[in-house]
Amino acid sequence: MTHPTGHTAATRDQSDALGLTILCLARHRSLDHLTLSMPALAGILLVPVAFNVGEWLLRDRISGMWVGVLRFWFDKLGIEGAVIEQLTRVAWFDFNLPYTNVVAPVPDVLTWSMTLIATVAVCLMTFRIRDQYLPLRYFLLFAVFIQATALLFFAVAPQSFPYTASRYVDNGVKTCASFLFLLPWGHALVYYIFDFSWPKKVFLTLLTLVFVVIAVPLQMALHVYLMVSCSLLMMPLLSFVFGPTMLVFGCIALYGWAMSWERVERRAL
């Protein structure tokens, strides 16, 4: 084993016993720098473009699939409303996206009271969560804060709530459609730059896109069902805590899994 220079035999023995020699030789990954070849840079730019072109060509099929899934679950869950496709502007482009015509009621006294009890119960439960689950505690406290603000608003001015269930779904679908086009560029910045093989890079993006495409209509159908069943009181919680946030968490989980894949031999990419 190579030892740091300037150590006597005695100090080297002590270093070996304490494992300090390995610490001295370890190179922190922050000192590594990426060396990207021109083909790698071209791939980082062109692969997201190819994904965006594919998404654009499949936009009508994706929208049609979303409409079909929403209609299926509206029927199975007994939700009164209609699901249609309509031309929608997202950023600078116009394309068809699902639109739901559904009505969610404002909360009555019983719904408001039961939600208050549940919110207080969750808040008290967070203080029983152990410190090793601190992220879960903070997540639940954030959810409690959002729900508390919703309870306060509907206690003061329930008829002044500016959003409807239809508008909520419309905004959610637009957000997710934009996210689909931005996702390949996010992977280009945080995954394509590392020394994984290109098939693995493409597979991660493809897998994540499939996950989002499948998850969006299922999530929207569940949210509509909860709002119709439990009133508009659920909308802020669904929007800020269990909306796009959950999709992003799923994408991060897939990214974390992909970072554990075997890399190619380190070299100029």
C-alpha atoms as a PDB file:
ATOM      1  CA  MET A   1       0.000   0.000   0.000  1.00  0.00           C
ATOM      2  CA  THR A   2       1.275   3.445  -0.874  1.00  0.00           C
ATOM      3  CA  HIS A   3       1.650   5.764   2.108  1.00  0.00           C
ATOM      4  CA  PRO A   4       1.645   9.558   2.160  1.00  0.00           C
ATOM      5  CA  THR A   5       5.137  11.020   1.966  1.00  0.00           C
ATOM      6  CA  GLY A   6       6.805  12.277   5.120  1.00  0.00           C
ATOM      7  CA  HIS A   7       5.614   9.441   7.372  1.00  0.00           C
ATOM      8  CA  THR A   8       8.024   7.354   9.415  1.00  0.00           C
ATOM      9  CA  ALA A   9       7.622   3.593   9.794  1.00  0.00           C
ATOM     10  CA  ALA A  10       6.021   4.063  13.226  1.00  0.00           C
ATOM     11  CA  THR A  11       3.486   6.609  12.052  1.00  0.00           C
ATOM     12  CA  ARG A  12       2.732   4.487   8.984  1.00  0.00           C
ATOM     13  CA  ASP A  13       1.899   1.537  11.242  1.00  0.00           C
ATOM     14  CA  GLN A  14      -0.374   3.729  13.356  1.00  0.00           C
ATOM     15  CA  SER A  15      -2.015   5.117  10.233  1.00  0.00           C
ATOM     16  CA  ASP A  16      -2.651   1.618   8.928  1.00  0.00           C
ATOM     17  CA  ALA A  17      -4.199   0.596  12.243  1.00  0.00           C
ATOM     18  CA  LEU A  18      -6.527   3.603  12.256  1.00  0.00           C
ATOM     19  CA  GLY A  19      -7.336   3.438   8.569  1.00  0.00           C
ATOM     20  CA  LEU A  20      -5.939   6.932   8.085  1.00  0.00           C
ATOM     21  CA  THR A  21      -3.828   5.921   5.107  1.00  0.00           C
ATOM     22  CA  ILE A  22      -6.933   5.179   3.073  1.00  0.00           C
ATOM     23  CA  LEU A  23      -8.439   8.494   4.125  1.00  0.00           C
ATOM     24  CA  CYS A  24      -5.339  10.307   2.949  1.00  0.00           C
ATOM     25  CA  LEU A  25      -5.451   8.595  -0.432  1.00  0.00           C
ATOM     26  CA  ALA A  26      -9.189   8.962  -0.974  1.00  0.00           C
ATOM     27  CA  ARG A  27     -10.153  11.480  -3.601  1.00  0.00           C
ATOM     28  CA  HIS A  28     -13.396  13.292  -3.046  1.00  0.00           C
ATOM     29  CA  ARG A  29     -15.740  13.094  -6.010  1.00  0.00           C
ATOM     30  CA  SER A  30     -16.150  16.869  -5.962  1.00  0.00           C
ATOM     31  CA  LEU A  31     -12.558  17.084  -7.219  1.00  0.00           C
ATOM     32  CA  ASP A  32     -13.453  15.069 -10.316  1.00  0.00           C
ATOM     33  CA  HIS A  33     -14.335  16.992 -13.405  1.00  0.00           C
ATOM     34  CA  LEU A  34     -16.236  15.886 -16.436  1.00  0.00           C
ATOM     35  CA  THR A  35     -14.496  15.585 -19.749  1.00  0.00           C
ATOM     36  CA  LEU A  36     -17.017  15.515 -22.549  1.00  0.00           C
ATOM     37  CA  SER A  37     -16.102  14.717 -26.118  1.00  0.00           C
ATOM     38  CA  MET A  38     -17.766  16.370 -29.077  1.00  0.00           C
ATOM     39  CA  PRO A  39     -19.899  13.265 -29.843  1.00  0.00           C
ATOM     40  CA  ALA A  40     -21.096  13.264 -26.221  1.00  0.00           C
ATOM     41  CA  LEU A  41     -21.996  16.952 -26.382  1.00  0.00           C
ATOM     42  CA  ALA A  42     -23.829  16.353 -29.642  1.00  0.00           C
ATOM     43  CA  GLY A  43     -25.760  13.496 -28.034  1.00  0.00           C
ATOM     44  CA  ILE A  44     -26.653  15.614 -25.012  1.00  0.00           C
ATOM     45  CA  LEU A  45     -28.220  18.165 -27.359  1.00  0.00           C
ATOM     46  CA  LEU A  46     -29.726  15.901 -30.016  1.00  0.00           C
ATOM     47  CA  VAL A  47     -31.269  13.140 -27.884  1.00  0.00           C
ATOM     48  CA  PRO A  48     -33.669  15.522 -26.058  1.00  0.00           C
ATOM     49  CA  VAL A  49     -34.592  17.041 -29.419  1.00  0.00           C
ATOM     50  CA  ALA A  50     -35.379  13.558 -30.734  1.00  0.00           C
ATOM     51  CA  PHE A  51     -37.559  12.851 -27.700  1.00  0.00           C
ATOM     52  CA  ASN A  52     -39.394  16.162 -28.155  1.00  0.00           C
ATOM     53  CA  VAL A  53     -40.021  15.391 -31.829  1.00  0.00           C
ATOM     54  CA  GLY A  54     -41.382  11.974 -30.873  1.00  0.00           C
ATOM     55  CA  GLU A  55     -43.629  13.508 -28.214  1.00  0.00           C
ATOM     56  CA  TRP A  56     -44.931  16.043 -30.707  1.00  0.00           C
ATOM     57  CA  LEU A  57     -45.724  13.354 -33.273  1.00  0.00           C
ATOM     58  CA  LEU A  58     -47.504  11.266 -30.614  1.00  0.00           C
ATOM     59  CA  ARG A  59     -49.308  14.181 -28.957  1.00  0.00           C
ATOM     60  CA  ASP A  60     -52.744  13.268 -30.319  1.00  0.00           C
ATOM     61  CA  ARG A  61     -52.383   9.622 -29.297  1.00  0.00           C
ATOM     62  CA  ILE A  62     -51.255  10.598 -25.804  1.00  0.00           C
ATOM     63  CA  SER A  63     -54.178  13.010 -25.454  1.00  0.00           C
ATOM     64  CA  GLY A  64     -56.600  10.378 -26.743  1.00  0.00           C
ATOM     65  CA  MET A  65     -55.253   7.847 -24.255  1.00  0.00           C
ATOM     66  CA  TRP A  66     -55.652  10.326 -21.403  1.00  0.00           C
ATOM     67  CA  VAL A  67     -59.247  11.024 -22.457  1.00  0.00           C
ATOM     68  CA  GLY A  68     -60.001   7.299 -22.629  1.00  0.00           C
ATOM     69  CA  VAL A  69     -58.567   6.630 -19.169  1.00  0.00           C
ATOM     70  CA  LEU A  70     -60.451   9.562 -17.637  1.00  0.00           C
ATOM     71  CA  ARG A  71     -63.727   8.474 -19.223  1.00  0.00           C
ATOM     72  CA  PHE A  72     -63.205   4.915 -18.013  1.00  0.00           C
ATOM     73  CA  TRP A  73     -62.665   5.954 -14.398  1.00  0.00           C
ATOM     74  CA  PHE A  74     -65.424   8.559 -14.473  1.00  0.00           C
ATOM     75  CA  ASP A  75     -67.785   5.748 -15.424  1.00  0.00           C
ATOM     76  CA  LYS A  76     -66.421   3.232 -12.896  1.00  0.00           C
ATOM     77  CA  LEU A  77     -66.337   5.742 -10.019  1.00  0.00           C
ATOM     78  CA  GLY A  78     -69.761   7.153 -10.793  1.00  0.00           C
ATOM     79  CA  ILE A  79     -68.502  10.693 -11.364  1.00  0.00           C
ATOM     80  CA  GLU A  80     -71.091  12.910 -13.027  1.00  0.00           C
ATOM     81  CA  GLY A  81     -69.403  14.862 -15.768  1.00  0.00           C
ATOM     82  CA  ALA A  82     -68.017  14.752 -19.280  1.00  0.00           C
ATOM     83  CA  VAL A  83     -64.512  14.379 -20.674  1.00  0.00           C
ATOM     84  CA  ILE A  84     -63.741  15.855 -24.080  1.00  0.00           C
ATOM     85  CA  GLU A  85     -60.724  16.861 -26.134  1.00  0.00           C
ATOM     86  CA  GLN A  86     -60.250  20.504 -26.920  1.00  0.00           C
ATOM     87  CA  LEU A  87     -57.567  22.590 -28.582  1.00  0.00           C
ATOM     88  CA  THR A  88     -55.405  24.076 -25.841  1.00  0.00           C
ATOM     89  CA  ARG A  89     -52.486  26.475 -25.919  1.00  0.00           C
ATOM     90  CA  VAL A  90     -49.463  25.350 -23.914  1.00  0.00           C
ATOM     91  CA  ALA A  91     -46.550  27.797 -24.032  1.00  0.00           C
ATOM     92  CA  TRP A  92     -46.325  28.739 -27.740  1.00  0.00           C
ATOM     93  CA  PHE A  93     -48.063  25.673 -29.156  1.00  0.00           C
ATOM     94  CA  ASP A  94     -51.647  24.569 -29.681  1.00  0.00           C
ATOM     95  CA  PHE A  95     -52.654  20.915 -29.407  1.00  0.00           C
ATOM     96  CA  ASN A  96     -55.498  18.777 -28.146  1.00  0.00           C
ATOM     97  CA  LEU A  97     -55.694  17.959 -24.443  1.00  0.00           C
ATOM     98  CA  PRO A  98     -58.420  16.500 -22.216  1.00  0.00           C
ATOM     99  CA  TYR A  99     -60.955  18.825 -20.656  1.00  0.00           C
ATOM    100  CA  THR A 100     -63.345  17.712 -17.924  1.00  0.00           C
ATOM    101  CA  ASN A 101     -66.740  19.254 -17.294  1.00  0.00           C
ATOM    102  CA  VAL A 102     -67.335  18.328 -13.673  1.00  0.00           C
ATOM    103  CA  VAL A 103     -68.659  20.114 -10.589  1.00  0.00           C
ATOM    104  CA  ALA A 104     -67.260  19.714  -7.069  1.00  0.00           C
ATOM    105  CA  PRO A 105     -69.280  21.189  -4.184  1.00  0.00           C
ATOM    106  CA  VAL A 106     -68.100  23.567  -1.494  1.00  0.00           C
ATOM    107  CA  PRO A 107     -67.737  21.857   1.899  1.00  0.00           C
ATOM    108  CA  ASP A 108     -70.694  21.654   4.223  1.00  0.00           C
ATOM    109  CA  VAL A 109     -70.380  21.946   8.008  1.00  0.00           C
ATOM    110  CA  LEU A 110     -69.954  18.197   8.521  1.00  0.00           C
ATOM    111  CA  THR A 111     -67.231  17.865   5.883  1.00  0.00           C
ATOM    112  CA  TRP A 112     -65.405  20.909   7.230  1.00  0.00           C
ATOM    113  CA  SER A 113     -65.575  19.611  10.821  1.00  0.00           C
ATOM    114  CA  MET A 114     -64.410  16.091   9.937  1.00  0.00           C
ATOM    115  CA  THR A 115     -61.514  17.509   7.922  1.00  0.00           C
ATOM    116  CA  LEU A 116     -60.532  19.725  10.852  1.00  0.00           C
ATOM    117  CA  ILE A 117     -60.478  16.713  13.193  1.00  0.00           C
ATOM    118  CA  ALA A 118     -58.370  14.705  10.732  1.00  0.00           C
ATOM    119  CA  THR A 119     -55.950  17.615  10.256  1.00  0.00           C
ATOM    120  CA  VAL A 120     -55.473  18.062  14.012  1.00  0.00           C
ATOM    121  CA  ALA A 121     -54.978  14.303  14.421  1.00  0.00           C
ATOM    122  CA  VAL A 122     -52.255  14.228  11.762  1.00  0.00           C
ATOM    123  CA  CYS A 123     -50.593  17.276  13.324  1.00  0.00           C
ATOM    124  CA  LEU A 124     -50.490  15.595  16.739  1.00  0.00           C
ATOM    125  CA  MET A 125     -49.249  12.359  15.184  1.00  0.00           C
ATOM    126  CA  THR A 126     -46.222  14.115  13.696  1.00  0.00           C
ATOM    127  CA  PHE A 127     -44.864  14.770  17.187  1.00  0.00           C
ATOM    128  CA  ARG A 128     -44.782  11.001  17.762  1.00  0.00           C
ATOM    129  CA  ILE A 129     -42.620  10.360  14.721  1.00  0.00           C
ATOM    130  CA  ARG A 130     -39.044   9.449  15.584  1.00  0.00           C
ATOM    131  CA  ASP A 131     -36.150  11.648  14.543  1.00  0.00           C
ATOM    132  CA  GLN A 132     -34.877   9.127  11.991  1.00  0.00           C
ATOM    133  CA  TYR A 133     -38.092   9.770  10.059  1.00  0.00           C
ATOM    134  CA  LEU A 134     -37.662  13.543  10.174  1.00  0.00           C
ATOM    135  CA  PRO A 135     -38.322  14.053   6.420  1.00  0.00           C
ATOM    136  CA  LEU A 136     -41.691  12.323   6.838  1.00  0.00           C
ATOM    137  CA  ARG A 137     -42.500  14.592   9.764  1.00  0.00           C
ATOM    138  CA  TYR A 138     -41.718  17.705   7.734  1.00  0.00           C
ATOM    139  CA  PHE A 139     -43.749  16.398   4.791  1.00  0.00           C
ATOM    140  CA  LEU A 140     -46.788  15.785   7.001  1.00  0.00           C
ATOM    141  CA  LEU A 141     -46.417  19.164   8.697  1.00  0.00           C
ATOM    142  CA  PHE A 142     -46.330  20.841   5.290  1.00  0.00           C
ATOM    143  CA  ALA A 143     -49.512  18.969   4.353  1.00  0.00           C
ATOM    144  CA  VAL A 144     -51.100  20.048   7.650  1.00  0.00           C
ATOM    145  CA  PHE A 145     -50.178  23.679   6.942  1.00  0.00           C
ATOM    146  CA  ILE A 146     -51.735  23.565   3.470  1.00  0.00           C
ATOM    147  CA  GLN A 147     -54.909  21.939   4.766  1.00  0.00           C
ATOM    148  CA  ALA A 148     -55.124  24.397   7.668  1.00  0.00           C
ATOM    149  CA  THR A 149     -55.058  27.341   5.255  1.00  0.00           C
ATOM    150  CA  ALA A 150     -57.814  25.676   3.208  1.00  0.00           C
ATOM    151  CA  LEU A 151     -59.909  25.160   6.336  1.00  0.00           C
ATOM    152  CA  LEU A 152     -59.452  28.797   7.297  1.00  0.00           C
ATOM    153  CA  PHE A 153     -60.447  30.054   3.845  1.00  0.00           C
ATOM    154  CA  PHE A 154     -63.590  27.924   3.610  1.00  0.00           C
ATOM    155  CA  ALA A 155     -64.551  28.915   7.155  1.00  0.00           C
ATOM    156  CA  VAL A 156     -64.414  32.610   6.243  1.00  0.00           C
ATOM    157  CA  ALA A 157     -65.482  32.824   2.575  1.00  0.00           C
ATOM    158  CA  PRO A 158     -66.507  29.444   1.155  1.00  0.00           C
ATOM    159  CA  GLN A 159     -68.397  30.918  -1.810  1.00  0.00           C
ATOM    160  CA  SER A 160     -65.423  33.038  -2.893  1.00  0.00           C
ATOM    161  CA  PHE A 161     -63.120  30.152  -3.781  1.00  0.00           C
ATOM    162  CA  PRO A 162     -61.845  31.098  -7.261  1.00  0.00           C
ATOM    163  CA  TYR A 163     -61.191  27.625  -8.700  1.00  0.00           C
ATOM    164  CA  THR A 164     -63.398  24.843 -10.005  1.00  0.00           C
ATOM    165  CA  ALA A 165     -62.680  21.147 -10.438  1.00  0.00           C
ATOM    166  CA  SER A 166     -62.715  21.540 -14.230  1.00  0.00           C
ATOM    167  CA  ARG A 167     -60.201  24.373 -14.109  1.00  0.00           C
ATOM    168  CA  TYR A 168     -58.031  22.378 -11.710  1.00  0.00           C
ATOM    169  CA  VAL A 169     -57.848  19.418 -14.097  1.00  0.00           C
ATOM    170  CA  ASP A 170     -57.252  21.720 -17.074  1.00  0.00           C
ATOM    171  CA  ASN A 171     -54.297  23.411 -15.370  1.00  0.00           C
ATOM    172  CA  GLY A 172     -52.945  20.069 -14.160  1.00  0.00           C
ATOM    173  CA  VAL A 173     -53.028  18.535 -17.632  1.00  0.00           C
ATOM    174  CA  LYS A 174     -51.312  21.591 -19.132  1.00  0.00           C
ATOM    175  CA  THR A 175     -48.599  21.449 -16.473  1.00  0.00           C
ATOM    176  CA  CYS A 176     -47.987  17.749 -17.069  1.00  0.00           C
ATOM    177  CA  ALA A 177     -47.901  18.212 -20.846  1.00  0.00           C
ATOM    178  CA  SER A 178     -45.233  20.887 -20.435  1.00  0.00           C
ATOM    179  CA  PHE A 179     -43.351  18.643 -18.025  1.00  0.00           C
ATOM    180  CA  LEU A 180     -43.217  15.870 -20.635  1.00  0.00           C
ATOM    181  CA  PHE A 181     -41.374  18.157 -23.047  1.00  0.00           C
ATOM    182  CA  LEU A 182     -38.994  19.501 -20.394  1.00  0.00           C
ATOM    183  CA  LEU A 183     -38.132  16.115 -18.906  1.00  0.00           C
ATOM    184  CA  PRO A 184     -35.608  14.999 -21.587  1.00  0.00           C
ATOM    185  CA  TRP A 185     -33.718  18.265 -21.156  1.00  0.00           C
ATOM    186  CA  GLY A 186     -33.604  17.744 -17.410  1.00  0.00           C
ATOM    187  CA  HIS A 187     -32.051  14.322 -17.948  1.00  0.00           C
ATOM    188  CA  ALA A 188     -29.583  15.868 -20.391  1.00  0.00           C
ATOM    189  CA  LEU A 189     -28.374  18.198 -17.643  1.00  0.00           C
ATOM    190  CA  VAL A 190     -28.279  15.774 -14.710  1.00  0.00           C
ATOM    191  CA  TYR A 191     -27.816  12.299 -16.233  1.00  0.00           C
ATOM    192  CA  TYR A 192     -26.476  12.359 -19.781  1.00  0.00           C
ATOM    193  CA  ILE A 193     -23.319  14.103 -18.577  1.00  0.00           C
ATOM    194  CA  PHE A 194     -22.262  11.041 -16.561  1.00  0.00           C
ATOM    195  CA  ASP A 195     -20.402   8.031 -17.887  1.00  0.00           C
ATOM    196  CA  PHE A 196     -23.315   5.693 -18.525  1.00  0.00           C
ATOM    197  CA  SER A 197     -23.829   4.021 -21.862  1.00  0.00           C
ATOM    198  CA  TRP A 198     -26.200   5.786 -24.223  1.00  0.00           C
ATOM    199  CA  PRO A 199     -28.709   2.900 -24.262  1.00  0.00           C
ATOM    200  CA  LYS A 200     -29.056   3.326 -20.485  1.00  0.00           C
ATOM    201  CA  LYS A 201     -29.480   7.085 -20.807  1.00  0.00           C
ATOM    202  CA  VAL A 202     -32.156   6.720 -23.447  1.00  0.00           C
ATOM    203  CA  PHE A 203     -33.863   3.954 -21.458  1.00  0.00           C
ATOM    204  CA  LEU A 204     -34.097   6.131 -18.330  1.00  0.00           C
ATOM    205  CA  THR A 205     -35.747   8.970 -20.228  1.00  0.00           C
ATOM    206  CA  LEU A 206     -38.102   6.605 -22.051  1.00  0.00           C
ATOM    207  CA  LEU A 207     -39.051   4.833 -18.812  1.00  0.00           C
ATOM    208  CA  THR A 208     -39.682   8.131 -17.022  1.00  0.00           C
ATOM    209  CA  LEU A 209     -41.810   9.462 -19.867  1.00  0.00           C
ATOM    210  CA  VAL A 210     -43.902   6.279 -19.872  1.00  0.00           C
ATOM    211  CA  PHE A 211     -44.334   6.608 -16.101  1.00  0.00           C
ATOM    212  CA  VAL A 212     -45.586  10.197 -16.416  1.00  0.00           C
ATOM    213  CA  VAL A 213     -47.883   9.428 -19.358  1.00  0.00           C
ATOM    214  CA  ILE A 214     -49.518   6.576 -17.430  1.00  0.00           C
ATOM    215  CA  ALA A 215     -49.642   8.359 -14.068  1.00  0.00           C
ATOM    216  CA  VAL A 216     -51.204  11.654 -15.196  1.00  0.00           C
ATOM    217  CA  PRO A 217     -54.746  10.481 -16.113  1.00  0.00           C
ATOM    218  CA  LEU A 218     -54.885   8.121 -13.133  1.00  0.00           C
ATOM    219  CA  GLN A 219     -53.870  10.923 -10.787  1.00  0.00           C
ATOM    220  CA  MET A 220     -56.361  13.355 -12.324  1.00  0.00           C
ATOM    221  CA  ALA A 221     -59.205  10.829 -12.071  1.00  0.00           C
ATOM    222  CA  LEU A 222     -58.403  10.192  -8.401  1.00  0.00           C
ATOM    223  CA  HIS A 223     -58.237  13.908  -7.653  1.00  0.00           C
ATOM    224  CA  VAL A 224     -61.585  14.565  -9.320  1.00  0.00           C
ATOM    225  CA  TYR A 225     -63.159  11.724  -7.356  1.00  0.00           C
ATOM    226  CA  LEU A 226     -61.816  13.104  -4.061  1.00  0.00           C
ATOM    227  CA  MET A 227     -62.995  16.627  -4.844  1.00  0.00           C
ATOM    228  CA  VAL A 228     -66.460  15.455  -5.883  1.00  0.00           C
ATOM    229  CA  SER A 229     -66.726  13.207  -2.814  1.00  0.00           C
ATOM    230  CA  CYS A 230     -65.049  15.451  -0.226  1.00  0.00           C
ATOM    231  CA  SER A 231     -65.661  18.903  -1.749  1.00  0.00           C
ATOM    232  CA  LEU A 232     -63.313  21.623  -2.956  1.00  0.00           C
ATOM    233  CA  LEU A 233     -61.740  21.630   0.500  1.00  0.00           C
ATOM    234  CA  MET A 234     -59.372  18.948  -0.809  1.00  0.00           C
ATOM    235  CA  MET A 235     -58.134  20.933  -3.804  1.00  0.00           C
ATOM    236  CA  PRO A 236     -55.254  22.866  -2.158  1.00  0.00           C
ATOM    237  CA  LEU A 237     -53.903  19.695  -0.549  1.00  0.00           C
ATOM    238  CA  LEU A 238     -54.155  17.746  -3.798  1.00  0.00           C
ATOM    239  CA  SER A 239     -52.554  20.557  -5.771  1.00  0.00           C
ATOM    240  CA  PHE A 240     -49.601  21.432  -3.545  1.00  0.00           C
ATOM    241  CA  VAL A 241     -48.862  18.082  -1.903  1.00  0.00           C
ATOM    242  CA  PHE A 242     -50.265  15.226  -3.976  1.00  0.00           C
ATOM    243  CA  GLY A 243     -50.233  16.796  -7.435  1.00  0.00           C
ATOM    244  CA  PRO A 244     -47.166  17.396  -9.613  1.00  0.00           C
ATOM    245  CA  THR A 245     -45.045  16.928  -6.490  1.00  0.00           C
ATOM    246  CA  MET A 246     -45.803  13.196  -6.515  1.00  0.00           C
ATOM    247  CA  LEU A 247     -44.883  12.931 -10.195  1.00  0.00           C
ATOM    248  CA  VAL A 248     -41.589  14.692  -9.531  1.00  0.00           C
ATOM    249  CA  PHE A 249     -40.899  12.352  -6.605  1.00  0.00           C
ATOM    250  CA  GLY A 250     -41.502   9.387  -8.910  1.00  0.00           C
ATOM    251  CA  CYS A 251     -39.114  10.803 -11.504  1.00  0.00           C
ATOM    252  CA  ILE A 252     -36.473  11.415  -8.832  1.00  0.00           C
ATOM    253  CA  ALA A 253     -36.864   7.827  -7.623  1.00  0.00           C
ATOM    254  CA  LEU A 254     -36.275   6.507 -11.146  1.00  0.00           C
ATOM    255  CA  TYR A 255     -33.279   8.840 -11.495  1.00  0.00           C
ATOM    256  CA  GLY A 256     -31.821   7.591  -8.206  1.00  0.00           C
ATOM    257  CA  TRP A 257     -32.229   3.997  -9.377  1.00  0.00           C
ATOM    258  CA  ALA A 258     -30.558   4.832 -12.685  1.00  0.00           C
ATOM    259  CA  MET A 259     -27.588   6.409 -10.893  1.00  0.00           C
ATOM    260  CA  SER A 260     -26.877   2.994  -9.344  1.00  0.00           C
ATOM    261  CA  TRP A 261     -26.504   1.311 -12.729  1.00  0.00           C
ATOM    262  CA  GLU A 262     -23.110   0.097 -13.837  1.00  0.00           C
ATOM    263  CA  ARG A 263     -21.090   2.738 -15.614  1.00  0.00           C
ATOM    264  CA  VAL A 264     -18.783   2.380 -18.555  1.00  0.00           C
ATOM    265  CA  GLU A 265     -15.054   2.636 -17.970  1.00  0.00           C
ATOM    266  CA  ARG A 266     -14.191   6.205 -17.025  1.00  0.00           C
ATOM    267  CA  ARG A 267     -12.880   8.098 -20.016  1.00  0.00           C
ATOM    268  CA  ALA A 268     -13.656  11.136 -22.085  1.00  0.00           C
ATOM    269  CA  LEU A 269     -17.306  10.664 -22.993  1.00  0.00           C
END
